[in-house]
Amino acid sequence: MMADVMNMEKIRTLSDDQLQAEVLKLRGEQMNLRFQKATGQMEKPNRWREVKTQIAQLKTEQSARRSAASN
């Protein structure tokens, strides 16, 4: 794994605002990767999977926090 990929322990320590900011940052990177793929300039094809997984982990934590807050 790459060094900039966060594990779930680190994700759990982030505040709600930091989670949202990280999701937005990764969505921007995902869009850039999509453009790179379309133009044939993608240097690291595996980065697409890493970004997608990271977004899913962040959104899972956001969902868990919402569920915990509503209970």
PDB file of N, CA and C in Angstrom:
ATOM      1  N   MET A   1       0.843  -1.187   0.000  1.00  0.00           N
ATOM      2  CA  MET A   1       0.000   0.000   0.000  1.00  0.00           C
ATOM      3  C   MET A   1       0.880   1.240   0.000  1.00  0.00           C
ATOM      4  N   MET A   2       0.298   2.305  -0.479  1.00  0.00           N
ATOM      5  CA  MET A   2       1.028   3.562  -0.522  1.00  0.00           C
ATOM      6  C   MET A   2       0.987   4.232   0.844  1.00  0.00           C
ATOM      7  N   ALA A   3       1.944   5.103   1.072  1.00  0.00           N
ATOM      8  CA  ALA A   3       2.068   5.759   2.374  1.00  0.00           C
ATOM      9  C   ALA A   3       0.913   6.717   2.646  1.00  0.00           C
ATOM     10  N   ASP A   4       0.311   7.290   1.592  1.00  0.00           N
ATOM     11  CA  ASP A   4      -0.754   8.268   1.810  1.00  0.00           C
ATOM     12  C   ASP A   4      -2.127   7.628   2.005  1.00  0.00           C
ATOM     13  N   VAL A   5      -2.203   6.327   1.980  1.00  0.00           N
ATOM     14  CA  VAL A   5      -3.458   5.632   2.223  1.00  0.00           C
ATOM     15  C   VAL A   5      -3.641   5.486   3.729  1.00  0.00           C
ATOM     16  N   MET A   6      -4.781   5.961   4.222  1.00  0.00           N
ATOM     17  CA  MET A   6      -5.042   5.899   5.663  1.00  0.00           C
ATOM     18  C   MET A   6      -5.658   4.555   6.030  1.00  0.00           C
ATOM     19  N   ASN A   7      -5.335   4.108   7.233  1.00  0.00           N
ATOM     20  CA  ASN A   7      -5.995   2.906   7.726  1.00  0.00           C
ATOM     21  C   ASN A   7      -7.216   3.329   8.543  1.00  0.00           C
ATOM     22  N   MET A   8      -8.038   2.382   8.892  1.00  0.00           N
ATOM     23  CA  MET A   8      -9.290   2.697   9.584  1.00  0.00           C
ATOM     24  C   MET A   8      -9.041   3.312  10.962  1.00  0.00           C
ATOM     25  N   GLU A   9      -7.955   2.937  11.625  1.00  0.00           N
ATOM     26  CA  GLU A   9      -7.659   3.519  12.937  1.00  0.00           C
ATOM     27  C   GLU A   9      -7.444   5.025  12.821  1.00  0.00           C
ATOM     28  N   LYS A  10      -6.714   5.428  11.798  1.00  0.00           N
ATOM     29  CA  LYS A  10      -6.471   6.855  11.597  1.00  0.00           C
ATOM     30  C   LYS A  10      -7.757   7.562  11.178  1.00  0.00           C
ATOM     31  N   ILE A  11      -8.557   6.910  10.352  1.00  0.00           N
ATOM     32  CA  ILE A  11      -9.817   7.507   9.901  1.00  0.00           C
ATOM     33  C   ILE A  11     -10.727   7.775  11.093  1.00  0.00           C
ATOM     34  N   ARG A  12     -10.746   6.863  12.049  1.00  0.00           N
ATOM     35  CA  ARG A  12     -11.615   7.026  13.220  1.00  0.00           C
ATOM     36  C   ARG A  12     -11.201   8.204  14.100  1.00  0.00           C
ATOM     37  N   THR A  13      -9.941   8.633  14.003  1.00  0.00           N
ATOM     38  CA  THR A  13      -9.477   9.759  14.814  1.00  0.00           C
ATOM     39  C   THR A  13      -9.797  11.110  14.183  1.00  0.00           C
ATOM     40  N   LEU A  14     -10.226  11.128  12.927  1.00  0.00           N
ATOM     41  CA  LEU A  14     -10.528  12.384  12.242  1.00  0.00           C
ATOM     42  C   LEU A  14     -11.856  12.962  12.714  1.00  0.00           C
ATOM     43  N   SER A  15     -11.955  14.286  12.693  1.00  0.00           N
ATOM     44  CA  SER A  15     -13.215  14.940  13.027  1.00  0.00           C
ATOM     45  C   SER A  15     -14.160  14.814  11.831  1.00  0.00           C
ATOM     46  N   ASP A  16     -15.424  15.162  12.043  1.00  0.00           N
ATOM     47  CA  ASP A  16     -16.405  15.096  10.957  1.00  0.00           C
ATOM     48  C   ASP A  16     -15.997  16.002   9.796  1.00  0.00           C
ATOM     49  N   ASP A  17     -15.519  17.206  10.113  1.00  0.00           N
ATOM     50  CA  ASP A  17     -15.092  18.139   9.066  1.00  0.00           C
ATOM     51  C   ASP A  17     -13.881  17.606   8.300  1.00  0.00           C
ATOM     52  N   GLN A  18     -12.959  16.984   9.026  1.00  0.00           N
ATOM     53  CA  GLN A  18     -11.788  16.413   8.366  1.00  0.00           C
ATOM     54  C   GLN A  18     -12.176  15.249   7.461  1.00  0.00           C
ATOM     55  N   LEU A  19     -13.146  14.450   7.897  1.00  0.00           N
ATOM     56  CA  LEU A  19     -13.639  13.352   7.056  1.00  0.00           C
ATOM     57  C   LEU A  19     -14.206  13.901   5.754  1.00  0.00           C
ATOM     58  N   GLN A  20     -15.049  14.910   5.875  1.00  0.00           N
ATOM     59  CA  GLN A  20     -15.680  15.495   4.685  1.00  0.00           C
ATOM     60  C   GLN A  20     -14.635  16.103   3.754  1.00  0.00           C
ATOM     61  N   ALA A  21     -13.662  16.802   4.323  1.00  0.00           N
ATOM     62  CA  ALA A  21     -12.606  17.404   3.507  1.00  0.00           C
ATOM     63  C   ALA A  21     -11.803  16.336   2.769  1.00  0.00           C
ATOM     64  N   GLU A  22     -11.521  15.244   3.443  1.00  0.00           N
ATOM     65  CA  GLU A  22     -10.762  14.154   2.829  1.00  0.00           C
ATOM     66  C   GLU A  22     -11.559  13.507   1.690  1.00  0.00           C
ATOM     67  N   VAL A  23     -12.874  13.332   1.899  1.00  0.00           N
ATOM     68  CA  VAL A  23     -13.721  12.777   0.836  1.00  0.00           C
ATOM     69  C   VAL A  23     -13.687  13.695  -0.386  1.00  0.00           C
ATOM     70  N   LEU A  24     -13.822  14.991  -0.164  1.00  0.00           N
ATOM     71  CA  LEU A  24     -13.806  15.942  -1.278  1.00  0.00           C
ATOM     72  C   LEU A  24     -12.465  15.930  -2.010  1.00  0.00           C
ATOM     73  N   LYS A  25     -11.374  15.856  -1.248  1.00  0.00           N
ATOM     74  CA  LYS A  25     -10.043  15.803  -1.853  1.00  0.00           C
ATOM     75  C   LYS A  25      -9.893  14.558  -2.723  1.00  0.00           C
ATOM     76  N   LEU A  26     -10.343  13.417  -2.195  1.00  0.00           N
ATOM     77  CA  LEU A  26     -10.221  12.166  -2.941  1.00  0.00           C
ATOM     78  C   LEU A  26     -11.152  12.129  -4.151  1.00  0.00           C
ATOM     79  N   ARG A  27     -12.313  12.753  -4.046  1.00  0.00           N
ATOM     80  CA  ARG A  27     -13.210  12.823  -5.218  1.00  0.00           C
ATOM     81  C   ARG A  27     -12.557  13.628  -6.338  1.00  0.00           C
ATOM     82  N   GLY A  28     -11.858  14.710  -5.969  1.00  0.00           N
ATOM     83  CA  GLY A  28     -11.125  15.490  -6.964  1.00  0.00           C
ATOM     84  C   GLY A  28     -10.029  14.669  -7.618  1.00  0.00           C
ATOM     85  N   GLU A  29      -9.308  13.910  -6.807  1.00  0.00           N
ATOM     86  CA  GLU A  29      -8.265  13.043  -7.352  1.00  0.00           C
ATOM     87  C   GLU A  29      -8.870  11.973  -8.251  1.00  0.00           C
ATOM     88  N   GLN A  30     -10.020  11.444  -7.850  1.00  0.00           N
ATOM     89  CA  GLN A  30     -10.695  10.429  -8.649  1.00  0.00           C
ATOM     90  C   GLN A  30     -11.089  10.996 -10.016  1.00  0.00           C
ATOM     91  N   MET A  31     -11.559  12.238 -10.029  1.00  0.00           N
ATOM     92  CA  MET A  31     -11.927  12.870 -11.291  1.00  0.00           C
ATOM     93  C   MET A  31     -10.688  13.047 -12.174  1.00  0.00           C
ATOM     94  N   ASN A  32      -9.581  13.484 -11.570  1.00  0.00           N
ATOM     95  CA  ASN A  32      -8.343  13.636 -12.341  1.00  0.00           C
ATOM     96  C   ASN A  32      -7.878  12.295 -12.906  1.00  0.00           C
ATOM     97  N   LEU A  33      -7.987  11.243 -12.114  1.00  0.00           N
ATOM     98  CA  LEU A  33      -7.608   9.918 -12.596  1.00  0.00           C
ATOM     99  C   LEU A  33      -8.506   9.465 -13.744  1.00  0.00           C
ATOM    100  N   ARG A  34      -9.775   9.811 -13.656  1.00  0.00           N
ATOM    101  CA  ARG A  34     -10.715   9.467 -14.733  1.00  0.00           C
ATOM    102  C   ARG A  34     -10.300  10.155 -16.037  1.00  0.00           C
ATOM    103  N   PHE A  35      -9.906  11.436 -15.943  1.00  0.00           N
ATOM    104  CA  PHE A  35      -9.443  12.151 -17.137  1.00  0.00           C
ATOM    105  C   PHE A  35      -8.149  11.550 -17.671  1.00  0.00           C
ATOM    106  N   GLN A  36      -7.246  11.192 -16.766  1.00  0.00           N
ATOM    107  CA  GLN A  36      -5.998  10.571 -17.193  1.00  0.00           C
ATOM    108  C   GLN A  36      -6.260   9.259 -17.919  1.00  0.00           C
ATOM    109  N   LYS A  37      -7.209   8.490 -17.413  1.00  0.00           N
ATOM    110  CA  LYS A  37      -7.540   7.211 -18.046  1.00  0.00           C
ATOM    111  C   LYS A  37      -8.113   7.438 -19.437  1.00  0.00           C
ATOM    112  N   ALA A  38      -8.989   8.438 -19.560  1.00  0.00           N
ATOM    113  CA  ALA A  38      -9.626   8.714 -20.846  1.00  0.00           C
ATOM    114  C   ALA A  38      -8.620   9.188 -21.887  1.00  0.00           C
ATOM    115  N   THR A  39      -7.588   9.901 -21.449  1.00  0.00           N
ATOM    116  CA  THR A  39      -6.594  10.413 -22.391  1.00  0.00           C
ATOM    117  C   THR A  39      -5.386   9.492 -22.529  1.00  0.00           C
ATOM    118  N   GLY A  40      -5.397   8.365 -21.811  1.00  0.00           N
ATOM    119  CA  GLY A  40      -4.309   7.403 -21.915  1.00  0.00           C
ATOM    120  C   GLY A  40      -3.046   7.824 -21.192  1.00  0.00           C
ATOM    121  N   GLN A  41      -3.156   8.725 -20.220  1.00  0.00           N
ATOM    122  CA  GLN A  41      -1.981   9.228 -19.515  1.00  0.00           C
ATOM    123  C   GLN A  41      -1.853   8.672 -18.097  1.00  0.00           C
ATOM    124  N   MET A  42      -2.645   7.703 -17.737  1.00  0.00           N
ATOM    125  CA  MET A  42      -2.636   7.191 -16.371  1.00  0.00           C
ATOM    126  C   MET A  42      -1.338   6.433 -16.109  1.00  0.00           C
ATOM    127  N   GLU A  43      -0.571   6.946 -15.144  1.00  0.00           N
ATOM    128  CA  GLU A  43       0.712   6.333 -14.823  1.00  0.00           C
ATOM    129  C   GLU A  43       0.576   5.206 -13.805  1.00  0.00           C
ATOM    130  N   LYS A  44      -0.367   5.356 -12.866  1.00  0.00           N
ATOM    131  CA  LYS A  44      -0.547   4.364 -11.813  1.00  0.00           C
ATOM    132  C   LYS A  44      -1.988   3.849 -11.826  1.00  0.00           C
ATOM    133  N   PRO A  45      -2.282   2.855 -12.640  1.00  0.00           N
ATOM    134  CA  PRO A  45      -3.661   2.360 -12.723  1.00  0.00           C
ATOM    135  C   PRO A  45      -4.202   1.824 -11.404  1.00  0.00           C
ATOM    136  N   ASN A  46      -3.334   1.330 -10.539  1.00  0.00           N
ATOM    137  CA  ASN A  46      -3.801   0.788  -9.266  1.00  0.00           C
ATOM    138  C   ASN A  46      -4.237   1.890  -8.307  1.00  0.00           C
ATOM    139  N   ARG A  47      -3.841   3.135  -8.556  1.00  0.00           N
ATOM    140  CA  ARG A  47      -4.230   4.252  -7.692  1.00  0.00           C
ATOM    141  C   ARG A  47      -5.749   4.440  -7.728  1.00  0.00           C
ATOM    142  N   TRP A  48      -6.371   4.124  -8.878  1.00  0.00           N
ATOM    143  CA  TRP A  48      -7.832   4.243  -8.997  1.00  0.00           C
ATOM    144  C   TRP A  48      -8.512   3.398  -7.914  1.00  0.00           C
ATOM    145  N   ARG A  49      -8.082   2.166  -7.750  1.00  0.00           N
ATOM    146  CA  ARG A  49      -8.667   1.263  -6.752  1.00  0.00           C
ATOM    147  C   ARG A  49      -8.418   1.785  -5.337  1.00  0.00           C
ATOM    148  N   GLU A  50      -7.213   2.283  -5.083  1.00  0.00           N
ATOM    149  CA  GLU A  50      -6.884   2.805  -3.759  1.00  0.00           C
ATOM    150  C   GLU A  50      -7.775   3.986  -3.388  1.00  0.00           C
ATOM    151  N   VAL A  51      -7.969   4.892  -4.335  1.00  0.00           N
ATOM    152  CA  VAL A  51      -8.808   6.073  -4.079  1.00  0.00           C
ATOM    153  C   VAL A  51     -10.255   5.643  -3.847  1.00  0.00           C
ATOM    154  N   LYS A  52     -10.731   4.739  -4.661  1.00  0.00           N
ATOM    155  CA  LYS A  52     -12.105   4.254  -4.531  1.00  0.00           C
ATOM    156  C   LYS A  52     -12.322   3.586  -3.168  1.00  0.00           C
ATOM    157  N   THR A  53     -11.370   2.779  -2.746  1.00  0.00           N
ATOM    158  CA  THR A  53     -11.453   2.099  -1.454  1.00  0.00           C
ATOM    159  C   THR A  53     -11.403   3.102  -0.312  1.00  0.00           C
ATOM    160  N   GLN A  54     -10.523   4.088  -0.436  1.00  0.00           N
ATOM    161  CA  GLN A  54     -10.387   5.105   0.610  1.00  0.00           C
ATOM    162  C   GLN A  54     -11.678   5.905   0.772  1.00  0.00           C
ATOM    163  N   ILE A  55     -12.301   6.270  -0.333  1.00  0.00           N
ATOM    164  CA  ILE A  55     -13.576   7.000  -0.276  1.00  0.00           C
ATOM    165  C   ILE A  55     -14.627   6.141   0.414  1.00  0.00           C
ATOM    166  N   ALA A  56     -14.679   4.867   0.073  1.00  0.00           N
ATOM    167  CA  ALA A  56     -15.654   3.966   0.688  1.00  0.00           C
ATOM    168  C   ALA A  56     -15.426   3.856   2.193  1.00  0.00           C
ATOM    169  N   GLN A  57     -14.174   3.781   2.615  1.00  0.00           N
ATOM    170  CA  GLN A  57     -13.876   3.695   4.049  1.00  0.00           C
ATOM    171  C   GLN A  57     -14.296   4.966   4.778  1.00  0.00           C
ATOM    172  N   LEU A  58     -14.018   6.117   4.182  1.00  0.00           N
ATOM    173  CA  LEU A  58     -14.402   7.387   4.794  1.00  0.00           C
ATOM    174  C   LEU A  58     -15.919   7.514   4.895  1.00  0.00           C
ATOM    175  N   LYS A  59     -16.608   7.150   3.836  1.00  0.00           N
ATOM    176  CA  LYS A  59     -18.071   7.249   3.843  1.00  0.00           C
ATOM    177  C   LYS A  59     -18.690   6.242   4.809  1.00  0.00           C
ATOM    178  N   THR A  60     -18.062   5.084   4.972  1.00  0.00           N
ATOM    179  CA  THR A  60     -18.536   4.102   5.940  1.00  0.00           C
ATOM    180  C   THR A  60     -18.434   4.663   7.353  1.00  0.00           C
ATOM    181  N   GLU A  61     -17.324   5.322   7.647  1.00  0.00           N
ATOM    182  CA  GLU A  61     -17.151   5.930   8.968  1.00  0.00           C
ATOM    183  C   GLU A  61     -18.167   7.057   9.182  1.00  0.00           C
ATOM    184  N   GLN A  62     -18.409   7.862   8.155  1.00  0.00           N
ATOM    185  CA  GLN A  62     -19.418   8.921   8.269  1.00  0.00           C
ATOM    186  C   GLN A  62     -20.791   8.325   8.568  1.00  0.00           C
ATOM    187  N   SER A  63     -21.124   7.262   7.877  1.00  0.00           N
ATOM    188  CA  SER A  63     -22.412   6.598   8.073  1.00  0.00           C
ATOM    189  C   SER A  63     -22.523   6.020   9.481  1.00  0.00           C
ATOM    190  N   ALA A  64     -21.450   5.403   9.960  1.00  0.00           N
ATOM    191  CA  ALA A  64     -21.449   4.820  11.305  1.00  0.00           C
ATOM    192  C   ALA A  64     -21.644   5.907  12.350  1.00  0.00           C
ATOM    193  N   ARG A  65     -21.031   7.048  12.148  1.00  0.00           N
ATOM    194  CA  ARG A  65     -21.190   8.150  13.103  1.00  0.00           C
ATOM    195  C   ARG A  65     -22.617   8.684  13.095  1.00  0.00           C
ATOM    196  N   ARG A  66     -23.222   8.775  11.922  1.00  0.00           N
ATOM    197  CA  ARG A  66     -24.617   9.231  11.839  1.00  0.00           C
ATOM    198  C   ARG A  66     -25.547   8.246  12.541  1.00  0.00           C
ATOM    199  N   SER A  67     -25.294   6.961  12.358  1.00  0.00           N
ATOM    200  CA  SER A  67     -26.105   5.931  13.002  1.00  0.00           C
ATOM    201  C   SER A  67     -25.954   6.000  14.512  1.00  0.00           C
ATOM    202  N   ALA A  68     -24.743   6.178  14.989  1.00  0.00           N
ATOM    203  CA  ALA A  68     -24.483   6.264  16.418  1.00  0.00           C
ATOM    204  C   ALA A  68     -25.130   7.505  17.016  1.00  0.00           C
ATOM    205  N   ALA A  69     -25.138   8.599  16.268  1.00  0.00           N
ATOM    206  CA  ALA A  69     -25.720   9.846  16.769  1.00  0.00           C
ATOM    207  C   ALA A  69     -27.240   9.783  16.842  1.00  0.00           C
ATOM    208  N   SER A  70     -27.835   8.996  15.947  1.00  0.00           N
ATOM    209  CA  SER A  70     -29.309   8.911  15.931  1.00  0.00           C
ATOM    210  C   SER A  70     -29.840   7.939  16.984  1.00  0.00           C
ATOM    211  N   ASN A  71     -28.986   7.112  17.533  1.00  0.00           N
ATOM    212  CA  ASN A  71     -29.422   6.130  18.553  1.00  0.00           C
ATOM    213  C   ASN A  71     -29.380   6.691  19.927  1.00  0.00           C
TER     214      ASN A  71
END
